[in-house]
Amino acid sequence: MEQPRYASRPIYDVMLLCWSENPNLRPTFDKLAMVFNAMLPKELQDHYMALNDPFMQANNARANNQY
């Protein structure tokens, strides 16, 4: 696919990696998190990853109550 109109070159490069024909060359979720985190301004780096822990705890609590 060609580069989307509003995708920066760094974002498009990540997209290309994700579309690699060889699955072993595709980035893992952890690698993607690191790459996207590095693209954020310093004051926001790690902010969104820190939001994941309460989200996961809420999901686990909900799953435990349903079963």
Protein backbone atom coordinates (compact mmCIF):
# COMPACT_ATOMS: atom_id res chain seq x y z
CA MET A 1 0.00 0.00 0.00
CA GLU A 2 1.09 3.52 -0.56
CA GLN A 3 1.67 5.94 2.30
CA PRO A 4 -1.63 7.33 3.60
CA ARG A 5 -2.01 11.06 3.13
CA TYR A 6 -1.88 11.92 6.84
CA ALA A 7 0.67 9.33 7.94
CA SER A 8 4.11 10.72 8.69
CA ARG A 9 7.09 8.87 7.27
CA PRO A 10 7.97 7.32 10.68
CA ILE A 11 4.39 6.05 11.07
CA TYR A 12 4.39 4.68 7.53
CA ASP A 13 7.69 2.92 8.20
CA VAL A 14 6.07 1.17 11.17
CA MET A 15 3.10 0.26 9.00
CA LEU A 16 5.41 -1.31 6.43
CA LEU A 17 7.11 -3.37 9.13
CA CYS A 18 3.72 -4.60 10.33
CA TRP A 19 2.82 -5.66 6.80
CA SER A 20 6.02 -7.64 6.27
CA GLU A 21 5.40 -10.83 4.32
CA ASN A 22 7.64 -12.68 6.77
CA PRO A 23 5.87 -12.81 10.17
CA ASN A 24 9.23 -13.05 11.93
CA LEU A 25 10.09 -9.56 10.68
CA ARG A 26 6.90 -7.99 12.05
CA PRO A 27 7.34 -6.04 15.28
CA THR A 28 5.95 -7.41 18.53
CA PHE A 29 3.46 -5.42 20.57
CA ASP A 30 6.23 -4.54 23.03
CA LYS A 31 8.42 -3.25 20.19
CA LEU A 32 5.51 -1.23 18.77
CA ALA A 33 4.84 0.27 22.19
CA MET A 34 8.50 1.32 22.46
CA VAL A 35 8.54 2.82 18.95
CA PHE A 36 5.32 4.79 19.39
CA ASN A 37 6.32 5.87 22.88
CA ALA A 38 9.57 7.29 21.48
CA MET A 39 7.53 9.34 18.96
CA LEU A 40 5.68 11.14 21.75
CA PRO A 41 6.88 14.36 23.35
CA LYS A 42 8.99 13.74 26.46
CA GLU A 43 6.21 14.87 28.81
CA LEU A 44 3.85 12.20 27.42
CA GLN A 45 6.29 9.31 27.10
CA ASP A 46 5.18 6.37 29.25
CA HIS A 47 1.95 8.19 30.20
CA TYR A 48 -0.24 5.98 28.05
CA MET A 49 1.55 2.80 29.08
CA ALA A 50 0.93 3.68 32.73
CA LEU A 51 -2.80 3.84 31.96
CA ASN A 52 -2.71 0.18 30.95
CA ASP A 53 -2.28 -1.24 34.50
CA PRO A 54 -5.59 0.07 35.90
CA PHE A 55 -7.32 -0.99 32.68
CA MET A 56 -5.95 -4.53 32.98
CA GLN A 57 -6.92 -4.70 36.66
CA ALA A 58 -10.47 -3.63 35.84
CA ASN A 59 -10.70 -6.23 33.08
CA ASN A 60 -9.41 -8.96 35.39
CA ALA A 61 -11.86 -7.96 38.13
CA ARG A 62 -14.74 -7.98 35.65
CA ALA A 63 -13.69 -11.38 34.28
CA ASN A 64 -13.42 -12.84 37.79
CA ASN A 65 -16.93 -11.66 38.67
CA GLN A 66 -18.44 -13.10 35.51
CA TYR A 67 -17.14 -16.63 35.89
